[in-house]
Protein backbone atom coordinates (compact mmCIF):
# COMPACT_ATOMS: atom_id res chain seq x y z
CA GLN A 1 0.00 0.00 0.00
CA LYS A 2 2.74 2.49 1.00
CA ILE A 3 4.88 1.68 -2.05
CA GLY A 4 1.89 2.20 -4.34
CA MET A 5 1.21 5.60 -2.81
CA ASN A 6 4.82 6.65 -3.30
CA LYS A 7 4.74 5.66 -6.97
CA LYS A 8 1.48 7.52 -7.45
CA THR A 9 2.93 10.61 -5.78
CA ILE A 10 6.04 10.47 -7.96
CA PHE A 11 3.87 10.12 -11.09
CA ILE A 12 1.73 13.12 -10.10
CA LEU A 13 4.82 15.25 -9.42
CA ALA A 14 6.42 14.28 -12.71
CA PHE A 15 3.20 14.88 -14.66
CA SER A 16 2.69 18.23 -12.97
CA SER A 17 6.27 19.18 -13.83
CA LEU A 18 5.70 18.32 -17.47
CA LEU A 19 2.57 20.48 -17.52
CA LEU A 20 4.46 23.36 -15.97
CA ALA A 21 7.31 22.91 -18.44
CA ALA A 22 4.86 23.00 -21.32
CA SER A 23 3.15 26.13 -19.99
CA ALA A 24 6.33 28.12 -19.29
CA ALA A 25 6.26 31.29 -21.39
CA TYR A 26 9.35 33.29 -22.29
CA ASP A 27 9.21 36.76 -20.76
CA PRO A 28 11.99 39.33 -21.37
CA GLU A 29 12.76 42.11 -18.89
CA GLU A 30 13.04 44.85 -21.50
CA ALA A 31 14.15 47.52 -19.03
CA SER A 32 17.36 45.56 -18.44
CA PHE A 33 18.49 45.95 -22.05
CA ILE A 34 20.03 48.82 -23.97
CA LYS A 35 18.07 47.44 -26.94
CA ALA A 36 15.19 45.18 -26.02
CA PRO A 37 15.21 41.64 -27.50
CA VAL A 38 13.99 41.47 -31.09
CA GLN A 39 12.77 38.24 -32.65
CA VAL A 40 15.24 36.95 -35.25
CA LEU A 41 14.16 33.28 -35.48
CA THR A 42 10.68 31.78 -35.77
CA GLU A 43 9.39 28.24 -35.67
CA ASP A 44 9.78 28.18 -39.45
CA ASP A 45 13.57 28.48 -38.91
CA VAL A 46 13.95 25.63 -36.44
CA ALA A 47 14.81 23.03 -39.08
CA ALA A 48 17.57 25.07 -40.73
CA TYR A 49 18.83 26.69 -37.53
CA GLN A 50 18.85 23.60 -35.33
CA ILE A 51 22.04 24.89 -33.74
CA PRO A 52 21.96 28.72 -33.88
CA PHE A 53 25.14 30.74 -33.45
CA ILE A 54 25.93 34.45 -33.55
CA GLY A 55 29.17 35.66 -35.09
CA ARG A 56 30.85 38.87 -36.11
CA TYR A 57 30.72 40.29 -39.57
CA ILE A 58 33.80 42.05 -40.97
CA ASN A 59 32.57 45.29 -39.38
CA SER A 60 30.08 46.38 -36.74
CA SER A 61 27.30 47.18 -39.21
CA TYR A 62 26.01 43.63 -39.36
CA ILE A 63 25.66 40.57 -37.17
CA CYS A 64 26.01 37.07 -38.62
CA LEU A 65 23.30 34.65 -37.50
CA TRP A 66 24.49 31.14 -38.31
CA GLY A 67 22.53 27.92 -38.22
CA LEU A 68 23.67 24.32 -38.47
CA SER A 69 21.24 21.66 -39.70
CA GLY A 70 22.08 17.97 -39.38
CA THR A 71 20.62 14.83 -40.91
CA GLY A 72 21.41 11.18 -40.20
CA GLN A 73 23.42 9.58 -37.44
CA ASN A 74 26.94 8.17 -37.18
CA PRO A 75 27.83 10.24 -39.08
CA THR A 76 25.53 13.26 -39.08
CA THR A 77 25.81 15.42 -42.19
CA TYR A 78 25.72 19.15 -41.48
CA ASN A 79 24.98 22.12 -43.68
CA ALA A 80 25.20 25.76 -42.64
CA TYR A 81 22.89 28.71 -43.11
CA LEU A 82 23.78 32.39 -42.79
CA ARG A 83 21.46 35.30 -42.13
CA LEU A 84 22.81 38.86 -41.95
CA LEU A 85 21.19 41.15 -39.39
CA ASN A 86 21.43 44.91 -39.09
CA SER A 87 23.32 45.47 -35.82
CA SER A 88 21.21 48.54 -34.99
CA THR A 89 17.73 47.16 -35.63
CA PHE A 90 18.42 43.38 -35.80
CA ALA A 91 16.36 43.39 -39.00
CA LYS A 92 17.12 40.74 -41.58
CA VAL A 93 19.29 41.98 -44.47
CA GLY A 94 18.81 40.29 -47.85
CA THR A 95 18.09 36.56 -48.10
CA ASP A 96 19.59 33.65 -46.20
CA VAL A 97 22.71 32.07 -47.67
CA THR A 98 22.71 28.26 -47.82
CA THR A 99 26.17 26.72 -47.66
CA ASN A 100 26.10 23.10 -48.84
CA ILE A 101 29.23 22.12 -46.95
CA ASN A 102 28.14 18.51 -46.22
CA VAL A 103 30.42 18.16 -43.20
CA GLN A 104 30.09 14.67 -41.72
CA LEU A 105 30.72 14.35 -37.98
CA TYR A 106 30.35 11.66 -35.34
CA SER A 107 30.35 14.25 -32.55
CA LYS A 108 28.47 17.41 -31.74
CA PRO A 109 29.63 20.24 -34.05
CA TYR A 110 31.48 23.21 -32.58
CA LEU A 111 30.93 26.35 -34.64
CA THR A 112 32.79 29.64 -34.37
CA SER A 113 33.58 32.57 -36.63
CA SER A 114 36.40 35.04 -37.08
CA THR A 115 36.54 38.81 -37.26
CA ASN A 116 37.76 38.73 -40.86
CA GLY A 117 35.16 36.77 -42.78
CA TYR A 118 35.58 33.08 -41.91
CA PHE A 119 33.69 30.45 -39.97
CA ALA A 120 34.91 27.09 -38.71
CA ILE A 121 33.25 23.85 -37.62
CA ALA A 122 35.16 21.37 -35.46
CA GLY A 123 34.17 17.81 -34.59
CA THR A 124 35.30 14.20 -34.67
CA THR A 125 35.20 11.97 -37.72
CA VAL A 126 35.83 8.29 -38.35
CA THR A 127 37.51 7.10 -41.52
CA THR A 128 38.21 3.58 -42.71
CA THR A 129 41.09 2.77 -45.06
CA THR A 130 41.17 -0.49 -47.01
CA LEU A 131 44.60 -1.97 -47.74
CA THR A 132 45.56 -5.21 -49.52
CA SER A 133 48.76 -7.21 -49.43
CA ALA A 134 49.77 -5.91 -52.85
CA ASN A 135 49.92 -2.26 -51.81
CA ALA A 136 49.63 -2.22 -48.04
CA SER A 137 52.05 -0.07 -46.09
CA ALA A 138 54.45 -1.53 -43.58
CA ASP A 139 52.49 0.24 -40.85
CA ALA A 140 49.50 -1.97 -41.56
CA GLY A 141 51.59 -5.08 -41.00
CA VAL A 142 50.69 -6.68 -44.31
CA GLY A 143 53.53 -7.90 -46.45
CA THR A 144 53.20 -9.47 -49.88
CA THR A 145 53.78 -13.21 -49.41
CA ALA A 146 52.35 -16.32 -50.98
CA ALA A 147 50.55 -17.08 -47.73
CA ASN A 148 48.65 -13.82 -47.50
CA ALA A 149 48.34 -12.73 -51.10
CA GLY A 150 45.15 -10.69 -51.52
CA THR A 151 44.68 -10.18 -47.76
CA THR A 152 42.56 -7.08 -46.95
CA VAL A 153 43.17 -4.95 -43.88
CA LEU A 154 40.71 -2.29 -42.68
CA THR A 155 42.29 0.51 -40.68
CA THR A 156 39.86 2.72 -38.76
CA ALA A 157 40.99 6.17 -37.62
CA VAL A 158 39.22 8.53 -35.23
CA GLN A 159 40.15 12.13 -36.01
CA VAL A 160 39.76 15.68 -34.75
CA PHE A 161 38.50 17.48 -37.83
CA ILE A 162 38.09 21.17 -38.67
CA TYR A 163 36.31 22.72 -41.63
CA LEU A 164 36.99 26.32 -42.58
CA SER A 165 35.02 28.49 -45.00
CA THR A 166 34.54 32.09 -46.03
CA LEU A 167 31.28 33.79 -45.06
CA ASP A 168 29.88 33.38 -48.55
CA ALA A 169 31.17 29.77 -48.84
CA THR A 170 33.11 30.62 -52.00
CA ALA A 171 36.33 29.18 -50.54
CA ASN A 172 36.95 26.47 -47.98
CA ALA A 173 39.61 24.24 -46.47
CA GLN A 174 39.73 21.37 -44.00
CA ALA A 175 42.31 19.57 -41.92
CA THR A 176 42.85 16.74 -39.46
CA LEU A 177 44.23 18.12 -36.18
CA ALA A 178 44.75 14.77 -34.42
CA SER A 179 44.25 11.10 -35.27
CA THR A 180 44.39 7.67 -33.64
CA THR A 181 43.97 4.14 -34.99
CA THR A 182 44.19 2.36 -31.63
CA ASP A 183 41.09 0.35 -30.71
CA GLY A 184 39.10 2.04 -27.93
CA ASN A 185 40.88 5.37 -28.31
CA GLY A 186 39.23 8.57 -29.51
CA PHE A 187 38.75 12.27 -28.83
CA THR A 188 36.26 14.62 -27.19
CA ILE A 189 36.08 18.23 -28.36
CA TYR A 190 35.21 20.90 -25.80
CA ARG A 191 35.99 24.35 -27.26
CA ASN A 192 36.54 26.03 -30.63
CA TRP A 193 37.39 29.74 -30.90
CA PHE A 194 39.25 32.35 -32.97
CA ILE A 195 42.32 34.41 -31.99
CA ASN A 196 44.52 36.46 -34.33
CA ASN A 197 44.07 34.55 -37.61
CA TYR A 198 43.94 31.13 -35.96
CA PHE A 199 41.04 28.89 -34.99
CA TYR A 200 41.93 26.93 -31.86
CA VAL A 201 40.40 23.65 -30.74
CA LEU A 202 40.60 22.39 -27.15
CA PHE A 203 40.07 18.63 -26.95
CA THR A 204 40.91 15.50 -24.99
CA SER A 205 42.23 12.11 -25.96
CA THR A 206 39.99 9.34 -24.63
CA THR A 207 40.11 5.63 -23.86
CA ASP A 208 36.76 3.85 -23.95
CA GLY A 209 35.09 7.27 -23.83
CA VAL A 210 36.96 8.48 -20.73
CA ASP A 211 39.06 11.67 -20.93
CA ILE A 212 42.77 10.96 -20.47
CA ALA A 213 44.73 14.06 -21.55
CA LEU A 214 43.91 17.64 -22.62
CA TYR A 215 45.34 19.15 -25.85
CA ILE A 216 45.21 22.28 -27.99
CA GLN A 217 45.81 22.73 -31.72
CA GLY A 218 45.43 25.71 -34.03
CA TYR A 219 44.49 26.08 -37.69
CA SER A 220 45.09 29.29 -39.63
CA VAL A 221 42.78 31.03 -42.07
CA THR A 222 45.45 30.33 -44.72
CA GLY A 223 45.10 26.59 -44.18
CA ASP A 224 48.12 25.81 -41.99
CA VAL A 225 48.17 23.76 -38.79
CA LYS A 226 49.92 25.85 -36.13
CA TRP A 227 51.96 23.13 -34.42
CA SER A 228 53.38 19.96 -35.96
CA ALA A 229 51.58 18.03 -33.23
CA PRO A 230 48.91 19.05 -30.71
CA ILE A 231 50.28 20.64 -27.51
CA GLN A 232 49.42 18.69 -24.35
CA ILE A 233 47.99 21.03 -21.71
CA SER A 234 47.36 18.61 -18.84
CA SER A 235 50.17 16.91 -16.94
CA SER A 236 48.06 14.62 -14.73
CA ILE A 237 45.88 11.80 -16.08
CA LEU A 238 42.31 13.14 -16.24
CA ASN A 239 40.45 9.87 -15.68
CA GLY A 240 37.05 11.39 -16.38
CA ALA A 241 35.11 14.24 -18.00
CA CYS A 242 37.27 17.33 -17.53
CA SER A 243 34.92 19.96 -19.05
CA PRO A 244 37.61 22.64 -19.56
CA TYR A 245 37.07 26.38 -19.91
CA SER A 246 39.51 28.94 -21.26
CA ALA A 247 39.97 32.66 -21.86
CA HIS A 248 42.76 34.76 -23.28
CA GLN A 249 44.15 38.28 -23.26
CA GLY A 250 47.02 39.12 -25.57
CA ASN A 251 49.19 35.99 -25.85
CA LEU A 252 48.20 34.67 -22.42
CA MET A 253 45.65 31.89 -22.28
CA VAL A 254 44.24 30.56 -19.01
CA ILE A 255 42.75 27.05 -19.03
CA ALA A 256 40.97 25.37 -16.12
CA TRP A 257 39.36 21.94 -15.88
CA ARG A 258 38.09 19.28 -13.51
CA LEU A 259 40.70 16.66 -12.62
CA VAL A 260 38.60 13.62 -11.76
CA SER A 261 41.64 11.53 -10.81
CA GLN A 262 42.26 13.90 -7.88
CA ASN A 263 38.67 15.07 -7.23
CA SER A 264 39.73 18.65 -7.82
CA VAL A 265 39.74 21.65 -10.16
CA VAL A 266 43.09 22.66 -11.64
CA TYR A 267 44.34 25.36 -13.99
CA THR A 268 47.38 26.29 -16.01
CA THR A 269 48.54 29.05 -18.34
CA PHE A 270 49.57 28.75 -21.97
CA ASP A 271 51.60 31.20 -24.05
CA LEU A 272 50.30 31.35 -27.61
CA THR A 273 53.62 32.75 -28.87
CA THR A 274 56.16 30.50 -27.15
CA SER A 275 53.83 27.46 -26.76
CA GLU A 276 54.94 27.21 -23.13
CA VAL A 277 52.58 25.43 -20.75
CA GLY A 278 52.60 26.61 -17.12
CA THR A 279 52.45 24.53 -13.98
CA GLU A 280 49.27 22.58 -13.32
CA THR A 281 47.90 23.99 -10.06
CA ILE A 282 45.07 22.73 -7.83
CA LEU A 283 42.52 25.43 -6.95
CA ALA A 284 39.81 23.46 -5.11
CA THR A 285 39.34 19.91 -3.89
CA ASP A 286 36.02 18.15 -3.26
CA THR A 287 34.74 17.77 0.27
CA ALA A 288 32.42 15.15 1.72
CA THR A 289 29.42 17.27 0.67
CA THR A 290 30.60 19.53 -2.17
CA GLN A 291 31.96 18.82 -5.64
CA PHE A 292 33.76 21.50 -7.67
CA SER A 293 33.79 22.01 -11.43
CA VAL A 294 34.77 24.91 -13.66
CA ALA A 295 31.94 27.36 -14.36
CA ALA A 296 33.84 30.07 -16.27
CA VAL A 297 37.24 31.59 -16.99
CA LEU A 298 37.29 35.29 -17.86
CA PHE A 299 39.39 38.44 -17.90
CA SER A 300 38.91 41.96 -16.67
CA GLU A 301 41.19 44.69 -18.02
CA ASN A 302 43.96 43.81 -15.55
CA TYR A 303 43.49 40.32 -14.17
CA TYR A 304 41.74 37.02 -14.77
CA VAL A 305 39.14 35.12 -12.79
CA ILE A 306 38.41 31.40 -12.51
CA LEU A 307 34.92 30.57 -11.27
CA MET A 308 34.09 27.13 -9.89
CA SER A 309 30.58 25.87 -9.26
CA GLN A 310 29.79 24.19 -5.95
CA SER A 311 27.48 21.22 -6.38
CA THR A 312 25.66 19.08 -3.87
CA GLY A 313 23.58 16.11 -4.94
CA GLY A 314 24.09 17.02 -8.59
CA LEU A 315 22.69 20.57 -8.18
CA SER A 316 24.92 23.64 -8.50
CA THR A 317 24.16 26.10 -5.72
CA GLY A 318 27.13 28.46 -5.40
CA LEU A 319 30.37 29.80 -6.88
CA THR A 320 33.93 29.78 -5.61
CA ILE A 321 36.40 32.28 -7.10
CA SER A 322 40.13 32.32 -7.72
CA VAL A 323 41.61 35.68 -8.74
CA ALA A 324 44.69 35.61 -11.00
CA GLY A 325 45.21 31.91 -10.26
CA SER A 326 45.51 32.38 -6.51
CA THR A 327 45.15 29.15 -4.53
CA VAL A 328 43.49 31.25 -1.80
CA THR A 329 39.89 31.01 -2.96
CA SER A 330 36.68 32.46 -1.56
CA VAL A 331 32.96 32.00 -1.99
CA LEU A 332 31.55 34.57 -4.42
CA ASP A 333 28.68 36.77 -3.30
CA PHE A 334 26.18 34.91 -5.44
CA ALA A 335 22.98 33.18 -4.41
CA LEU A 336 20.18 31.45 -6.24
CA THR A 337 16.96 33.41 -6.58
CA ALA A 338 14.05 32.05 -4.57
CA ASN A 339 12.29 29.07 -6.20
CA TYR A 340 15.35 28.03 -8.27
CA ASN A 341 17.55 25.13 -7.20
CA THR A 342 20.44 24.93 -9.70
CA PHE A 343 22.29 27.01 -12.29
CA THR A 344 24.96 27.20 -14.96
CA VAL A 345 26.98 30.20 -16.16
CA ALA A 346 25.56 30.83 -19.63
CA ALA A 347 28.01 33.61 -20.55
CA SER A 348 30.72 35.79 -19.01
CA ASN A 349 33.06 38.57 -20.07
CA ILE A 350 35.10 41.61 -19.15
CA TYR A 351 33.34 44.72 -17.86
CA PHE A 352 35.94 47.49 -17.84
CA ASP A 353 38.02 47.02 -14.66
CA GLY A 354 35.55 44.36 -13.50
CA TRP A 355 33.65 41.50 -15.09
CA PHE A 356 30.19 40.02 -15.38
CA ILE A 357 28.46 36.66 -15.58
CA ILE A 358 25.05 35.62 -16.88
CA PRO A 359 23.80 32.79 -14.64
CA HIS A 360 21.03 30.61 -16.04
CA GLN A 361 19.00 29.51 -13.02
CA GLU A 362 16.59 26.60 -13.18
CA LYS A 363 13.87 25.00 -11.14
CA ALA A 364 14.20 21.26 -11.76
CA VAL A 365 12.03 18.45 -10.45
CA ALA A 366 12.71 14.83 -11.42
CA ASN A 367 15.08 16.07 -14.18
CA VAL A 368 12.36 18.23 -15.71
CA VAL A 369 13.13 21.96 -15.90
CA TYR A 370 9.91 23.93 -15.67
CA ALA A 371 11.15 27.43 -14.83
CA SER A 372 14.28 29.45 -15.53
CA GLU A 373 15.78 32.90 -15.16
CA ASP A 374 18.75 34.64 -16.81
CA SER A 375 20.42 37.67 -15.26
CA ALA A 376 23.53 39.78 -15.83
CA GLN A 377 25.55 40.17 -12.63
CA ILE A 378 28.44 42.64 -12.56
CA PHE A 379 31.34 42.37 -10.11
CA ASN A 380 34.15 44.73 -9.13
CA TYR A 381 33.18 47.51 -11.55
CA SER A 382 34.27 51.01 -10.55
CA LYS A 383 35.00 52.98 -13.74
CA THR A 384 32.78 55.26 -15.77
CA THR A 385 32.90 55.10 -19.54
CA ALA A 386 35.10 57.44 -21.51
CA ASN A 387 32.36 58.37 -23.98
CA ASN A 388 29.59 58.92 -21.41
CA GLN A 389 27.20 56.60 -23.23
CA THR A 390 24.34 55.07 -21.30
CA GLN A 391 25.45 52.03 -19.35
CA LYS A 392 23.65 49.52 -17.19
CA THR A 393 25.84 49.50 -14.09
CA ASN A 394 23.52 47.64 -11.70
CA THR A 395 25.09 44.64 -10.07
CA ASP A 396 22.17 42.35 -10.94
CA LEU A 397 19.92 42.71 -14.02
CA VAL A 398 17.21 40.13 -14.68
CA LEU A 399 17.21 39.57 -18.47
CA ASP A 400 14.38 37.07 -18.90
CA THR A 401 12.33 34.34 -17.31
CA ASP A 402 11.58 30.98 -18.92
CA GLY A 403 14.09 31.59 -21.69
CA THR A 404 17.75 30.65 -22.12
CA VAL A 405 20.71 32.80 -23.03
CA VAL A 406 22.55 30.39 -25.32
CA GLN A 407 25.32 32.78 -26.31
CA GLY A 408 26.82 36.15 -25.53
CA PHE A 409 28.87 37.98 -28.16
CA THR A 410 30.82 41.20 -28.62
CA LEU A 411 31.05 43.34 -31.74
CA PRO A 412 34.31 45.10 -32.70
CA ASP A 413 33.09 48.32 -31.05
CA GLN A 414 32.83 46.34 -27.76
CA SER A 415 29.04 46.45 -27.62
CA TYR A 416 27.64 43.28 -26.03
CA TYR A 417 24.62 41.20 -27.11
CA VAL A 418 22.90 37.96 -26.16
CA LEU A 419 21.07 35.32 -28.20
CA ILE A 420 18.03 34.00 -26.32
CA LEU A 421 15.83 31.00 -27.13
CA ASP A 422 12.29 30.74 -25.75
CA SER A 423 12.91 27.55 -23.81
CA THR A 424 13.82 26.89 -20.20
CA THR A 425 16.76 24.75 -21.36
CA GLY A 426 17.47 26.13 -24.85
CA GLY A 427 18.57 22.77 -26.18
CA GLY A 428 17.52 20.41 -28.93
CA ASP A 429 14.05 20.93 -30.38
CA THR A 430 12.61 22.59 -27.26
CA TRP A 431 12.58 26.14 -28.69
CA GLU A 432 10.37 27.84 -31.27
CA ASN A 433 11.63 31.44 -31.37
CA GLY A 434 14.98 33.18 -31.03
CA TYR A 435 15.76 36.75 -29.95
CA ILE A 436 18.75 39.09 -29.86
CA GLY A 437 19.06 41.87 -27.31
CA GLN A 438 21.81 44.36 -26.52
CA VAL A 439 22.84 44.29 -22.87
CA PHE A 440 25.74 46.78 -22.86
CA THR A 441 26.78 49.66 -25.08
CA GLN A 442 30.41 48.93 -24.33
CA ILE A 443 32.24 46.49 -22.05
CA SER A 444 35.82 47.74 -22.44
CA ASN A 445 37.67 50.89 -23.43
CA ASN A 446 40.39 48.72 -24.95
CA ILE A 447 38.83 48.14 -28.36
CA PHE A 448 41.68 45.95 -29.55
CA GLY A 449 42.71 44.56 -26.19
CA HIS A 450 46.07 44.87 -24.47
CA ALA A 451 48.63 42.81 -22.63
CA LEU A 452 47.70 41.53 -19.18
CA LYS A 453 49.35 43.38 -16.31
CA VAL A 454 48.91 42.06 -12.80
CA THR A 455 50.80 43.05 -9.67
CA LEU A 456 50.59 41.24 -6.36
CA SER A 457 49.28 44.32 -4.54
CA ALA A 458 46.60 44.79 -7.21
CA VAL A 459 45.46 41.18 -6.85
CA PHE A 460 44.91 41.56 -3.11
CA ALA A 461 43.05 44.83 -3.69
CA ILE A 462 40.86 43.10 -6.28
CA ILE A 463 40.01 40.27 -3.88
CA ALA A 464 39.05 42.80 -1.21
CA LEU A 465 36.82 44.73 -3.62
CA ILE A 466 35.02 41.67 -4.97
CA PHE A 467 33.97 40.40 -1.58
CA ALA A 468 32.93 43.83 -0.39
CA PHE A 469 29.92 43.71 -2.73
């Protein structure tokens, strides 16, 4: 009798959650935006823009709205769609461009674009090569003998693949960034981004699907692989999903990830010019009740920040911060809004001498998300803008409820925008409409960036300021 009642209660809760999820209606907080969200995708676009992505055009006059559409499985064949938007009104300019690239991937695609007219898709592929004893290479172990004449050998390779194209798809190139033919070995791609004429891919080598080591490789817009072999970033065996995050300023890149083998979060630095990898340093170690993972890595004008989510029972409830890689960490002044029980950091970036995050908070019951909220939260900001333009300088701006910020992006003039889907999770086929809104007029006075400068005294002052909020 008691077991039956429990099952009935669970069913009612789950059914109620599904009804609530279905009834959740996207609601923007227009007062929080410099330019209120404008609809740029409708349900008629869902098929072509299955995976929407915002990228820069070659100037600030337009915004590139990309969409990836996939068909089939193992591999999935992807084609890309491009829609130009006026950056002032978000109105569609001209007609959509269909790029029949036919990229075949066995993994999720990772799309990014450059500031000079290119876009790139990274993913994993699987290729099979057939060799016979008459022309097989020595590497395949097949020699031409009377005993094995006509023997066929199939060699299967798992590869990290990148496809590069111009905005109008009139020119393209592709390359293999890493490859393995060992049974059970493969790769997992985590990040793909553009810096100074190179597209970089952050990925792991895997054994039986488990992350083992973390690597980086670059591919130039002229079609050259940056390093003769991928650079290994991690020094310790990962032994599990590492979910790395990275950010850069000048030639300095900061990379942080979860090190499952030591139940901790670690970070290192990487010099894009010298290819030097810094020391792997532990920032936080799990306790009996709390597990740490990387939530974001970001820069202000003068220092960098590594944010780590604190999770209990699979739900993220808080953030721990390391400033400039300090092993002295503190709990960030961040708390979930009432009625929400978990969150992720949907986007983050510089904000003059401070920085901001956009937490995506969720109310989840039995793995069903039926309510959400996105907000822009600014930390350690003290400057005023040089051009006296209107700025939103509140420390906490609610952007929307029951929607999802799926991407934040910056135009060359340092204005900042978000792409929002009308879904509490923003994934898969759960959305019907997409919107773009401008959150900030400008997020940095350094239009082209500058070298990172951090002094020890400044770091301690920064820590004091952050936790005074």
